[in-house]
Amino acid sequence: MKRILCTLLLLFILFSACPISAYAQVIEEELTDGIVYTINSKTGEVIIKGNGEISDYSTSPFLYLNGDIKSVLIESGILKIGARLFRNCTSLEKISISDTVTQIDNTAFDGCKGIKEFSVDIENEVYSSFDGILYSKDLSKLIKYPSAKNDERFATLKNTTTICKNSFKGSVNLKTVVLSSETVNIEENFENLGISLECENELPNPDSTHYHEPIYKTVYPTCSEYGYIEVTCRTCDEKIINKYICPTKHKYTEKITPATTESNGHIVTVCIVCGHIKEDKIINKIESASLDYSSVVYDNHQFSPNVNVVDSNGKSLVQNVDYIYSLPLGRKSVGIYNYDITYFGNYKGTSRLLLFIYPQSPIFNKIILRKTGAELCWNKISAQCDGYEIQYSTVSNFMSDNRYVTVNNKNAKSLKLQNLKSKTRYYFRIRSFKNVTESNVFYSQWSRTGTAKML
């Protein structure tokens, strides 16, 4: 018994010690109201999605996963990254920040010693990233330097006037920061961090008797690349980058691949300059097209059933927006009428719906028994009728011993049947027909069955 208990205890300890990636792949949890996160334990990617602000924390909600998280994607809709959100997530290497984030607490990444890169969506109007470093939009404030960036020496940009508090906290490899003449507001305590500061030399001038003649060149930004102002000396060709220019916004257009009856379509919002895809929205395929009713009996009125089209998600398509259809002429006489649907806009293709108008059914008036047969009488059909077909049998369900008689006279009201077996019960029914074309005959429904026992 003791051996069994020891074995179970050992298995419990082994499974408890296993990282989450050993037995799970994707976990989804609520972070706060309206905001959830998923973690793929196989890749180490965390995706945070929803709408609203992520609250401040005293202890990171990801602490129990800190060895599994490799990257974080904060999707559009998130407004704020709260205090200590990723504190001590030591394996975190990359943070991608969406366009909607407007607040980032300066303690959000405390203790994240493995960060190599920040990436900010180009559409973000508050923050930007340059060379993997987190800045304000115009690069004037350096907000967070990646703690695991490989460089031992870093020079601030001409754009940067302020180095924010905690921006270099936890840097592993950095030893020296070179300040440009524009970087004048230093909120970080570099002395406590063991990082030395140096001041940048002005435009190189090895010969004190030589005076530079600057030539300015502007390289304009695109929606994916920074621009810059380049200064070159006309005499000695010495060159420096004077100031970077933030990328422009994407120029989006919609490219539509229409849905069909066979496949889904797509509305892709894509930048016409760099090809960046902002959104890929699925257009559900056309699931079915139908009429309110597809078969009716002639009644001397014009029939106009409605057309109904739905997609694979059950959504109704809109006439004159998603499709049009041709209304067939007539729709009063016996025959077939084609409703041809043409899809357009977000949809493509055609469908054909059929409306069938059938003749009216005759009704038996009476059955008159004769010595060698019977006379069948019925109410004639006054319109849309070319004749009648009579079926009779000794079996009530007409499944065997069947005989048919065709009456090619629309005005006929009776028919005498001869040579019926005496003392035998017969079953009779009748239907009308209309010759729509030479090869297309429309029949009405069968009348109610009449029965009689022969004399």
Protein backbone atom coordinates (compact mmCIF):
# COMPACT_ATOMS: atom_id res chain seq x y z
CA MET A 1 0.00 0.00 0.00
CA LYS A 2 2.82 2.39 0.90
CA ARG A 3 4.51 1.63 -2.43
CA ILE A 4 1.32 2.51 -4.34
CA LEU A 5 0.90 5.78 -2.42
CA CYS A 6 4.55 6.72 -3.06
CA THR A 7 4.10 6.03 -6.80
CA LEU A 8 0.96 8.19 -6.98
CA LEU A 9 2.69 11.00 -5.07
CA LEU A 10 5.68 10.86 -7.43
CA LEU A 11 3.39 11.06 -10.49
CA PHE A 12 1.58 14.05 -8.97
CA ILE A 13 4.87 15.86 -8.37
CA LEU A 14 6.09 15.12 -11.92
CA PHE A 15 2.89 16.42 -13.55
CA SER A 16 2.86 19.47 -11.28
CA ALA A 17 6.42 20.29 -12.28
CA CYS A 18 5.72 20.00 -16.01
CA PRO A 19 5.37 23.33 -17.84
CA ILE A 20 1.93 24.11 -19.15
CA SER A 21 3.15 23.53 -22.71
CA ALA A 22 3.58 19.83 -21.96
CA TYR A 23 -0.14 19.18 -21.64
CA ALA A 24 -2.04 22.12 -23.13
CA GLN A 25 -1.91 24.09 -26.31
CA VAL A 26 -4.38 27.00 -26.17
CA ILE A 27 -5.86 28.57 -23.05
CA GLU A 28 -8.39 31.42 -22.98
CA GLU A 29 -9.03 33.43 -19.82
CA GLU A 30 -10.81 36.67 -18.94
CA LEU A 31 -8.40 39.45 -18.01
CA THR A 32 -10.99 42.05 -17.06
CA ASP A 33 -14.52 42.96 -18.13
CA GLY A 34 -14.74 42.84 -21.92
CA ILE A 35 -11.09 41.80 -22.33
CA VAL A 36 -9.74 38.26 -22.68
CA TYR A 37 -6.39 36.72 -23.51
CA THR A 38 -5.36 33.49 -25.17
CA ILE A 39 -2.01 31.80 -24.81
CA ASN A 40 -0.64 29.23 -27.20
CA SER A 41 1.66 27.22 -24.98
CA LYS A 42 3.28 25.61 -28.02
CA THR A 43 4.47 28.91 -29.52
CA GLY A 44 4.40 31.05 -26.37
CA GLU A 45 2.23 33.71 -28.05
CA VAL A 46 -0.26 35.68 -25.95
CA ILE A 47 -3.07 37.56 -27.73
CA ILE A 48 -5.03 40.14 -25.76
CA LYS A 49 -8.31 41.22 -27.34
CA GLY A 50 -11.48 43.07 -26.46
CA ASN A 51 -12.49 46.65 -25.82
CA GLY A 52 -11.45 48.96 -23.00
CA GLU A 53 -8.61 49.53 -20.56
CA ILE A 54 -6.45 46.87 -18.92
CA SER A 55 -6.39 47.61 -15.20
CA ASP A 56 -3.36 48.23 -13.01
CA TYR A 57 -2.01 45.19 -11.15
CA SER A 58 0.06 44.70 -8.02
CA THR A 59 1.14 41.28 -9.31
CA SER A 60 1.11 40.32 -12.98
CA PRO A 61 -1.81 38.05 -13.96
CA PHE A 62 0.70 36.25 -16.21
CA LEU A 63 3.12 35.43 -13.42
CA TYR A 64 2.21 31.73 -13.43
CA LEU A 65 3.02 31.65 -17.17
CA ASN A 66 6.12 33.81 -17.09
CA GLY A 67 8.36 31.04 -18.41
CA ASP A 68 6.04 30.20 -21.29
CA ILE A 69 5.33 33.65 -22.76
CA LYS A 70 7.56 34.53 -25.71
CA SER A 71 5.52 37.22 -27.49
CA VAL A 72 2.48 39.41 -26.85
CA LEU A 73 0.05 40.81 -29.41
CA ILE A 74 -2.29 43.53 -28.13
CA GLU A 75 -5.14 43.78 -30.63
CA SER A 76 -7.12 46.81 -31.75
CA GLY A 77 -9.72 47.82 -29.18
CA ILE A 78 -7.41 47.87 -26.16
CA LEU A 79 -6.94 51.44 -24.87
CA LYS A 80 -4.55 51.10 -21.94
CA ILE A 81 -1.76 48.78 -20.76
CA GLY A 82 -1.93 48.90 -16.97
CA ALA A 83 0.78 48.94 -14.33
CA ARG A 84 2.86 45.78 -13.79
CA LEU A 85 0.82 43.87 -16.38
CA PHE A 86 3.81 41.80 -17.55
CA ARG A 87 6.00 42.20 -14.47
CA ASN A 88 8.75 39.55 -14.25
CA CYS A 89 7.72 37.76 -17.45
CA THR A 90 11.37 36.93 -18.03
CA SER A 91 10.93 34.96 -21.27
CA LEU A 92 8.95 37.71 -23.03
CA GLU A 93 10.87 38.85 -26.13
CA LYS A 94 8.49 40.85 -28.33
CA ILE A 95 5.49 43.12 -27.70
CA SER A 96 3.23 44.20 -30.58
CA ILE A 97 0.97 47.18 -29.80
CA SER A 98 -2.15 48.01 -31.80
CA ASP A 99 -3.38 51.34 -33.14
CA THR A 100 -5.87 51.97 -30.30
CA VAL A 101 -3.49 51.91 -27.32
CA THR A 102 -3.15 55.45 -25.93
CA GLN A 103 -1.77 54.75 -22.43
CA ILE A 104 1.13 52.56 -21.33
CA ASP A 105 2.14 52.56 -17.65
CA ASN A 106 5.92 52.87 -17.23
CA THR A 107 5.96 49.82 -14.91
CA ALA A 108 4.08 47.53 -17.30
CA PHE A 109 7.28 45.72 -18.33
CA ASP A 110 9.25 45.78 -15.07
CA GLY A 111 11.42 42.72 -14.71
CA CYS A 112 11.00 41.66 -18.34
CA LYS A 113 14.70 41.02 -18.93
CA GLY A 114 14.25 39.23 -22.26
CA ILE A 115 12.56 41.94 -24.34
CA LYS A 116 14.31 42.45 -27.67
CA GLU A 117 11.72 44.42 -29.62
CA PHE A 118 8.69 46.68 -29.37
CA SER A 119 6.47 46.95 -32.44
CA VAL A 120 3.75 49.60 -32.76
CA ASP A 121 1.03 49.72 -35.41
CA ILE A 122 1.75 52.56 -37.81
CA GLU A 123 -1.82 53.86 -37.33
CA ASN A 124 -1.25 54.50 -33.60
CA GLU A 125 -1.41 58.25 -32.99
CA VAL A 126 0.29 58.25 -29.56
CA TYR A 127 3.15 55.73 -29.77
CA SER A 128 5.65 54.55 -32.36
CA SER A 129 8.58 52.14 -32.56
CA PHE A 130 11.96 52.73 -34.16
CA ASP A 131 14.68 50.09 -34.30
CA GLY A 132 12.60 48.06 -31.82
CA ILE A 133 12.50 50.88 -29.25
CA LEU A 134 9.24 52.30 -27.90
CA TYR A 135 8.80 56.05 -28.49
CA SER A 136 6.09 58.64 -28.52
CA LYS A 137 4.53 59.12 -31.95
CA ASP A 138 6.91 61.90 -33.05
CA LEU A 139 9.99 60.17 -31.51
CA SER A 140 10.40 63.08 -29.08
CA LYS A 141 10.10 60.81 -26.01
CA LEU A 142 12.01 57.57 -25.54
CA ILE A 143 9.59 55.52 -23.44
CA LYS A 144 11.11 52.03 -23.22
CA TYR A 145 14.39 50.58 -24.41
CA PRO A 146 14.29 46.79 -24.98
CA SER A 147 16.10 45.32 -21.98
CA ALA A 148 17.69 42.47 -23.96
CA LYS A 149 18.74 44.49 -27.03
CA ASN A 150 22.24 43.35 -28.00
CA ASP A 151 23.90 46.77 -28.40
CA GLU A 152 26.40 47.94 -25.77
CA ARG A 153 26.27 51.52 -27.05
CA PHE A 154 23.20 53.54 -27.99
CA ALA A 155 22.88 57.07 -29.41
CA THR A 156 19.67 59.04 -29.04
CA LEU A 157 17.95 60.42 -32.12
CA LYS A 158 17.93 64.07 -33.06
CA ASN A 159 14.15 63.88 -32.65
CA THR A 160 14.38 62.76 -29.03
CA THR A 161 14.21 65.51 -26.42
CA THR A 162 13.17 63.39 -23.42
CA ILE A 163 14.29 60.09 -21.93
CA CYS A 164 11.45 58.90 -19.70
CA LYS A 165 11.71 57.41 -16.24
CA ASN A 166 12.28 53.62 -16.14
CA SER A 167 12.95 53.62 -19.90
CA PHE A 168 16.32 51.84 -19.51
CA LYS A 169 15.55 49.94 -16.32
CA GLY A 170 16.64 46.31 -16.54
CA SER A 171 18.88 46.75 -19.60
CA VAL A 172 21.21 43.75 -19.77
CA ASN A 173 23.84 44.60 -22.39
CA LEU A 174 23.80 48.39 -22.63
CA LYS A 175 26.83 50.20 -21.18
CA THR A 176 26.82 53.65 -22.78
CA VAL A 177 24.16 56.11 -23.94
CA VAL A 178 25.28 58.91 -26.26
CA LEU A 179 23.05 61.96 -25.99
CA SER A 180 22.37 64.17 -28.97
CA SER A 181 22.35 67.91 -28.43
CA GLU A 182 18.52 67.83 -28.64
CA THR A 183 18.16 65.28 -25.81
CA VAL A 184 17.98 67.66 -22.87
CA ASN A 185 15.36 66.21 -20.53
CA ILE A 186 16.73 63.16 -18.72
CA GLU A 187 14.23 61.54 -16.34
CA GLU A 188 16.05 58.20 -16.10
CA ASN A 189 18.66 57.64 -13.34
CA PHE A 190 21.52 56.23 -15.41
CA GLU A 191 23.96 56.34 -12.51
CA ASN A 192 21.90 53.83 -10.51
CA LEU A 193 21.66 51.63 -13.59
CA GLY A 194 25.44 51.59 -14.14
CA ILE A 195 25.11 53.10 -17.62
CA SER A 196 27.46 55.91 -18.58
CA LEU A 197 26.41 59.01 -20.53
CA GLU A 198 28.28 60.77 -23.29
CA CYS A 199 27.48 63.84 -25.36
CA GLU A 200 27.42 63.62 -29.12
CA ASN A 201 29.94 65.60 -31.17
CA GLU A 202 28.51 68.01 -33.73
CA LEU A 203 29.00 67.52 -37.45
CA PRO A 204 32.54 66.13 -37.81
CA ASN A 205 35.12 68.82 -38.54
CA PRO A 206 38.65 67.40 -38.43
CA ASP A 207 40.23 70.59 -39.77
CA SER A 208 39.54 73.57 -37.51
CA THR A 209 40.16 75.90 -40.43
CA HIS A 210 37.50 74.11 -42.46
CA TYR A 211 33.91 75.26 -42.21
CA HIS A 212 31.18 72.90 -43.31
CA GLU A 213 28.80 73.91 -46.06
CA PRO A 214 25.70 71.86 -45.30
CA ILE A 215 23.51 70.42 -48.04
CA TYR A 216 20.13 69.22 -46.84
CA LYS A 217 18.36 66.30 -48.40
CA THR A 218 14.89 65.16 -47.39
CA VAL A 219 13.82 61.56 -47.90
CA TYR A 220 10.08 61.48 -47.40
CA PRO A 221 8.48 58.70 -45.35
CA THR A 222 6.12 56.05 -46.62
CA CYS A 223 3.50 54.15 -44.70
CA SER A 224 6.06 51.47 -43.85
CA GLU A 225 9.38 53.33 -43.72
CA TYR A 226 10.66 56.35 -41.77
CA GLY A 227 11.83 59.33 -43.75
CA TYR A 228 14.77 61.48 -42.71
CA ILE A 229 16.61 64.74 -43.23
CA GLU A 230 20.19 64.11 -44.28
CA VAL A 231 22.92 66.76 -43.91
CA THR A 232 26.07 66.48 -46.05
CA CYS A 233 29.04 68.83 -46.18
CA ARG A 234 29.57 70.12 -49.71
CA THR A 235 33.35 70.17 -49.21
CA CYS A 236 34.26 67.07 -47.23
CA ASP A 237 31.21 64.86 -47.88
CA GLU A 238 30.75 64.18 -44.17
CA LYS A 239 27.21 62.95 -43.66
CA ILE A 240 24.81 62.68 -40.73
CA ILE A 241 21.10 62.00 -40.34
CA ASN A 242 19.71 65.15 -38.83
CA LYS A 243 16.18 64.05 -37.97
CA TYR A 244 13.80 61.20 -38.72
CA ILE A 245 10.30 61.75 -40.09
CA CYS A 246 7.54 59.44 -38.86
CA PRO A 247 5.84 57.22 -41.43
CA THR A 248 2.65 58.39 -43.03
CA LYS A 249 -0.65 56.60 -42.56
CA HIS A 250 -1.62 53.71 -44.76
CA LYS A 251 -3.76 54.47 -47.79
CA TYR A 252 -6.41 51.82 -47.61
CA THR A 253 -8.70 50.51 -50.28
CA GLU A 254 -11.14 47.63 -50.32
CA LYS A 255 -10.60 44.71 -52.64
CA ILE A 256 -13.70 42.55 -52.98
CA THR A 257 -13.75 38.92 -54.03
CA PRO A 258 -17.47 38.23 -54.39
CA ALA A 259 -19.11 35.25 -52.73
CA THR A 260 -20.81 32.67 -54.94
CA THR A 261 -23.10 29.71 -54.42
CA GLU A 262 -19.97 27.55 -54.15
CA SER A 263 -17.53 29.54 -52.02
CA ASN A 264 -17.14 32.38 -49.53
CA GLY A 265 -15.96 35.79 -50.69
CA HIS A 266 -13.69 38.33 -49.01
CA ILE A 267 -13.56 42.08 -48.40
CA VAL A 268 -9.88 42.82 -47.88
CA THR A 269 -8.89 46.25 -46.58
CA VAL A 270 -5.36 46.68 -47.92
CA CYS A 271 -2.88 49.53 -48.23
CA ILE A 272 -2.33 50.45 -51.88
CA VAL A 273 1.24 51.55 -51.11
CA CYS A 274 2.78 48.77 -49.04
CA GLY A 275 0.23 45.98 -49.26
CA HIS A 276 -0.46 45.89 -45.52
CA ILE A 277 -3.75 44.06 -44.84
CA LYS A 278 -5.79 45.75 -42.14
CA GLU A 279 -8.82 43.50 -42.29
CA ASP A 280 -9.98 40.42 -44.16
CA LYS A 281 -13.75 40.13 -43.78
CA ILE A 282 -15.48 36.99 -44.98
CA ILE A 283 -18.59 37.23 -47.15
CA ASN A 284 -20.58 34.08 -46.48
CA LYS A 285 -21.45 32.10 -49.57
CA ILE A 286 -25.00 32.02 -50.99
CA GLU A 287 -26.66 29.09 -49.30
CA SER A 288 -30.07 29.00 -50.98
CA ALA A 289 -32.55 30.86 -53.15
CA SER A 290 -36.25 30.06 -53.05
CA LEU A 291 -39.76 31.31 -53.79
CA ASP A 292 -42.50 31.71 -51.18
CA TYR A 293 -44.21 28.94 -53.13
CA SER A 294 -43.10 27.09 -56.22
CA SER A 295 -46.28 25.32 -57.35
CA VAL A 296 -49.89 26.51 -57.55
CA VAL A 297 -53.19 25.57 -59.18
CA TYR A 298 -54.61 27.75 -61.94
CA ASP A 299 -57.30 30.13 -60.67
CA ASN A 300 -57.37 32.85 -63.37
CA HIS A 301 -55.20 35.16 -61.21
CA GLN A 302 -51.61 36.27 -61.68
CA PHE A 303 -49.19 34.69 -59.22
CA SER A 304 -46.28 36.70 -57.73
CA PRO A 305 -44.32 34.75 -55.11
CA ASN A 306 -41.51 36.59 -53.30
CA VAL A 307 -37.87 35.67 -53.89
CA ASN A 308 -35.86 34.78 -50.77
CA VAL A 309 -32.05 34.46 -50.77
CA VAL A 310 -29.99 33.62 -47.66
CA ASP A 311 -26.28 33.10 -47.04
CA SER A 312 -24.63 30.22 -45.18
CA ASN A 313 -25.01 32.12 -41.90
CA GLY A 314 -28.76 32.53 -42.34
CA LYS A 315 -28.60 36.20 -43.27
CA SER A 316 -31.09 37.39 -45.90
CA LEU A 317 -29.63 39.06 -48.96
CA VAL A 318 -31.23 42.33 -50.05
CA GLN A 319 -32.97 42.75 -53.39
CA ASN A 320 -31.49 45.54 -55.56
CA VAL A 321 -28.44 45.64 -53.25
CA ASP A 322 -27.16 42.06 -53.48
CA TYR A 323 -29.26 40.71 -56.34
CA ILE A 324 -31.95 41.42 -58.91
CA TYR A 325 -34.27 39.01 -60.66
CA SER A 326 -36.33 38.97 -63.84
CA LEU A 327 -40.07 38.71 -63.28
CA PRO A 328 -41.47 36.31 -65.89
CA LEU A 329 -44.39 37.54 -67.96
CA GLY A 330 -47.88 36.12 -67.58
CA ARG A 331 -47.84 33.83 -64.54
CA LYS A 332 -51.56 33.12 -65.04
CA SER A 333 -51.67 30.19 -67.45
CA VAL A 334 -50.67 26.60 -66.83
CA GLY A 335 -46.94 26.12 -67.41
CA ILE A 336 -43.42 26.78 -66.10
CA TYR A 337 -42.11 30.27 -65.30
CA ASN A 338 -38.43 31.09 -64.82
CA TYR A 339 -37.23 33.49 -62.13
CA ASP A 340 -33.62 34.25 -63.14
CA ILE A 341 -31.57 35.78 -60.31
CA THR A 342 -28.39 37.77 -60.99
CA TYR A 343 -26.05 38.48 -58.06
CA PHE A 344 -23.86 41.59 -57.88
CA GLY A 345 -21.99 43.79 -55.39
CA ASN A 346 -20.50 41.42 -52.80
CA TYR A 347 -21.91 38.43 -54.68
CA LYS A 348 -21.47 36.90 -58.10
CA GLY A 349 -23.30 34.35 -60.21
CA THR A 350 -26.82 33.41 -61.18
CA SER A 351 -29.63 31.18 -59.96
CA ARG A 352 -32.86 30.04 -61.58
CA LEU A 353 -36.08 29.38 -59.68
CA LEU A 354 -39.12 27.71 -61.23
CA LEU A 355 -42.80 28.46 -60.66
CA PHE A 356 -45.20 25.69 -61.76
CA ILE A 357 -48.88 26.43 -62.45
CA TYR A 358 -50.97 23.25 -62.71
CA PRO A 359 -54.49 22.68 -64.10
CA GLN A 360 -57.49 22.43 -61.80
CA SER A 361 -58.65 18.99 -60.71
CA PRO A 362 -62.06 17.71 -61.87
CA ILE A 363 -64.61 16.29 -59.38
CA PHE A 364 -66.70 13.16 -59.85
CA ASN A 365 -70.44 13.89 -59.88
CA LYS A 366 -71.66 10.33 -59.93
CA ILE A 367 -71.01 6.78 -61.10
CA ILE A 368 -73.88 5.13 -62.99
CA LEU A 369 -73.75 1.33 -63.05
CA ARG A 370 -74.56 -0.42 -66.32
CA LYS A 371 -75.08 -4.11 -67.04
CA THR A 372 -71.60 -4.54 -68.53
CA GLY A 373 -69.83 -1.51 -67.10
CA ALA A 374 -70.22 1.94 -65.59
CA GLU A 375 -70.61 5.55 -66.68
CA LEU A 376 -68.38 8.11 -64.93
CA CYS A 377 -69.62 11.70 -64.68
CA TRP A 378 -67.64 14.78 -63.60
CA ASN A 379 -67.66 18.54 -63.58
CA LYS A 380 -65.70 19.72 -66.59
CA ILE A 381 -62.82 22.20 -66.25
CA SER A 382 -63.78 25.43 -67.95
CA ALA A 383 -60.29 26.83 -68.67
CA GLN A 384 -56.67 25.77 -69.13
CA CYS A 385 -57.64 22.18 -69.90
CA ASP A 386 -57.16 20.03 -73.03
CA GLY A 387 -58.65 16.78 -71.74
CA TYR A 388 -58.81 14.22 -68.97
CA GLU A 389 -57.11 11.04 -67.87
CA ILE A 390 -59.07 8.39 -65.97
CA GLN A 391 -57.48 5.61 -63.95
CA TYR A 392 -59.39 2.61 -62.60
CA SER A 393 -58.35 -0.47 -60.69
CA THR A 394 -59.66 -3.29 -58.51
CA VAL A 395 -57.08 -2.22 -55.88
CA SER A 396 -57.85 0.83 -53.74
CA ASN A 397 -54.30 2.18 -53.80
CA PHE A 398 -53.99 1.74 -57.58
CA MET A 399 -50.69 -0.09 -57.11
CA SER A 400 -51.69 -2.96 -59.42
CA ASP A 401 -54.33 -3.98 -61.96
CA ASN A 402 -54.34 -0.44 -63.35
CA ARG A 403 -55.93 0.81 -66.52
CA TYR A 404 -55.86 4.30 -68.04
CA VAL A 405 -58.23 6.02 -70.43
CA THR A 406 -57.42 9.36 -72.06
CA VAL A 407 -60.22 11.70 -73.09
CA ASN A 408 -58.92 14.28 -75.58
CA ASN A 409 -61.93 16.55 -75.26
CA LYS A 410 -61.85 19.42 -72.81
CA ASN A 411 -65.66 19.71 -72.94
CA ALA A 412 -66.28 16.08 -72.05
CA LYS A 413 -68.27 15.48 -68.86
CA SER A 414 -68.69 11.72 -68.87
CA LEU A 415 -67.19 8.43 -70.05
CA LYS A 416 -68.69 4.96 -70.41
CA LEU A 417 -66.43 2.07 -69.40
CA GLN A 418 -67.27 -1.35 -70.87
CA ASN A 419 -66.36 -4.93 -70.07
CA LEU A 420 -65.92 -4.46 -66.32
CA LYS A 421 -66.12 -7.65 -64.26
CA SER A 422 -69.47 -8.21 -62.64
CA LYS A 423 -69.73 -8.42 -58.86
CA THR A 424 -66.30 -6.78 -58.67
CA ARG A 425 -65.51 -3.57 -56.80
CA TYR A 426 -63.69 -0.95 -58.85
CA TYR A 427 -61.92 2.27 -57.81
CA PHE A 428 -61.89 5.32 -60.07
CA ARG A 429 -60.06 8.67 -60.16
CA ILE A 430 -59.66 11.41 -62.73
CA ARG A 431 -57.32 14.30 -63.50
CA SER A 432 -57.20 16.99 -66.16
CA PHE A 433 -54.23 17.83 -68.37
CA LYS A 434 -52.96 20.73 -70.41
CA ASN A 435 -50.56 20.43 -73.36
CA VAL A 436 -48.16 23.32 -72.71
CA THR A 437 -45.83 22.26 -75.55
CA GLU A 438 -45.67 19.21 -77.80
CA SER A 439 -43.46 17.42 -75.32
CA ASN A 440 -44.58 19.03 -72.08
CA VAL A 441 -47.90 17.98 -70.58
CA PHE A 442 -49.08 19.35 -67.22
CA TYR A 443 -51.43 17.20 -65.16
CA SER A 444 -53.62 18.27 -62.28
CA GLN A 445 -53.73 16.37 -59.03
CA TRP A 446 -55.87 13.26 -58.98
CA SER A 447 -59.44 13.71 -57.86
CA ARG A 448 -60.80 12.00 -54.77
CA THR A 449 -61.30 8.29 -55.40
CA GLY A 450 -64.74 7.07 -56.35
CA THR A 451 -65.77 3.42 -55.90
CA ALA A 452 -68.59 1.11 -56.98
CA LYS A 453 -69.36 -2.62 -57.12
CA MET A 454 -70.38 -3.77 -60.55
CA LEU A 455 -73.74 -5.46 -61.16
